[in-house]
């Protein structure tokens, strides 16, 4: 019954059928597996927690390219959870246009 009510909502259905949806699921899954809060990831990414949550909630106005960049940036946490080290690593990768 609850599923039917979600499925009948055009806005929710549009998100579920979007290309962004699979990326939003992966982003949330990575954060949960890394045991990080939205605030911790947002701090590293130099964005607000609200901006980060937009990725997890599958905001359709965010281009696919940005979702892929987000996944790449979050994957840096696989190396260390030390934010200052991650920022240095991210800056180094950005300097050489690594995506």
Protein backbone atom coordinates (compact mmCIF):
# COMPACT_ATOMS: atom_id res chain seq x y z
CA UNK A 1 0.00 0.00 0.00
CA UNK A 2 2.75 2.45 0.92
CA UNK A 3 4.73 1.43 -2.15
CA UNK A 4 1.67 2.04 -4.35
CA UNK A 5 1.25 5.50 -2.90
CA UNK A 6 4.90 6.31 -3.66
CA UNK A 7 4.64 4.85 -7.13
CA UNK A 8 1.57 6.94 -7.90
CA UNK A 9 3.38 10.17 -6.96
CA UNK A 10 4.68 11.65 -10.26
CA UNK A 11 7.59 13.50 -8.61
CA UNK A 12 8.84 10.39 -6.81
CA UNK A 13 8.32 8.25 -9.88
CA UNK A 14 10.33 10.68 -12.00
CA UNK A 15 13.24 10.40 -9.56
CA UNK A 16 13.04 6.60 -9.40
CA UNK A 17 13.19 6.38 -13.18
CA UNK A 18 15.94 9.00 -13.62
CA UNK A 19 19.55 8.35 -14.57
CA UNK A 20 20.58 10.21 -11.41
CA UNK A 21 18.81 7.72 -9.13
CA UNK A 22 21.39 4.93 -9.38
CA UNK A 23 24.14 7.43 -8.56
CA UNK A 24 22.25 8.84 -5.59
CA UNK A 25 21.87 5.31 -4.24
CA UNK A 26 25.59 4.65 -4.66
CA UNK A 27 26.48 7.93 -2.94
CA UNK A 28 24.30 7.13 0.05
CA UNK A 29 25.53 3.55 0.18
CA UNK A 30 29.18 4.66 0.20
CA UNK A 31 28.57 7.16 2.99
CA UNK A 32 26.82 4.56 5.12
CA UNK A 33 29.52 1.93 4.53
CA UNK A 34 32.20 4.47 5.44
CA UNK A 35 30.25 5.30 8.62
CA UNK A 36 30.34 9.02 7.88
CA UNK A 37 27.71 11.65 8.47
CA UNK A 38 26.48 14.03 5.76
CA UNK A 39 28.20 16.81 7.73
CA UNK A 40 31.59 15.05 7.59
CA UNK A 41 31.39 14.47 3.86
CA UNK A 42 30.11 17.98 3.19
CA UNK A 43 33.01 19.46 5.15
CA UNK A 44 35.50 17.52 3.02
CA UNK A 45 33.72 18.50 -0.20
CA UNK A 46 33.54 22.13 0.91
CA UNK A 47 29.79 22.24 0.43
CA UNK A 48 26.90 22.58 2.86
CA UNK A 49 25.27 19.47 4.30
CA UNK A 50 22.10 20.51 2.48
CA UNK A 51 23.93 20.53 -0.84
CA UNK A 52 25.30 17.08 -0.12
CA UNK A 53 21.85 15.75 0.85
CA UNK A 54 20.57 16.91 -2.55
CA UNK A 55 22.77 14.22 -4.09
CA UNK A 56 21.46 11.50 -1.80
CA UNK A 57 17.87 12.62 -2.38
CA UNK A 58 18.36 12.52 -6.16
CA UNK A 59 17.92 16.14 -7.13
CA UNK A 60 17.20 15.98 -10.83
CA UNK A 61 18.65 19.42 -11.57
CA UNK A 62 22.14 18.09 -10.74
CA UNK A 63 23.85 16.86 -13.93
CA UNK A 64 25.02 13.22 -14.16
CA UNK A 65 28.62 14.46 -14.45
CA UNK A 66 28.33 16.03 -10.98
CA UNK A 67 27.02 12.76 -9.52
CA UNK A 68 30.02 10.93 -10.97
CA UNK A 69 32.39 13.56 -9.54
CA UNK A 70 30.73 13.17 -6.16
CA UNK A 71 31.30 9.40 -6.23
CA UNK A 72 34.96 9.92 -7.15
CA UNK A 73 35.42 12.42 -4.31
CA UNK A 74 33.71 10.19 -1.75
CA UNK A 75 35.84 7.24 -2.86
CA UNK A 76 38.87 9.13 -1.52
CA UNK A 77 37.62 8.21 1.96
CA UNK A 78 38.67 4.65 1.16
CA UNK A 79 42.27 5.86 1.63
CA UNK A 80 41.79 7.66 4.95
CA UNK A 81 39.14 9.41 7.02
CA UNK A 82 41.57 12.17 7.97
CA UNK A 83 39.92 15.25 6.47
CA UNK A 84 43.12 17.31 6.17
CA UNK A 85 44.90 14.47 4.32
CA UNK A 86 41.89 14.03 2.07
CA UNK A 87 41.81 17.72 1.21
CA UNK A 88 45.50 17.58 0.25
CA UNK A 89 44.86 14.48 -1.87
CA UNK A 90 41.81 16.06 -3.50
CA UNK A 91 43.74 19.26 -4.30
CA UNK A 92 46.58 17.23 -5.79
CA UNK A 93 44.19 15.24 -7.97
CA UNK A 94 42.40 18.41 -9.06
CA UNK A 95 45.72 20.06 -9.90
CA UNK A 96 46.36 17.29 -12.43
CA UNK A 97 42.75 17.22 -13.64
CA UNK A 98 42.18 13.70 -12.37
CA UNK A 99 38.50 12.71 -12.36
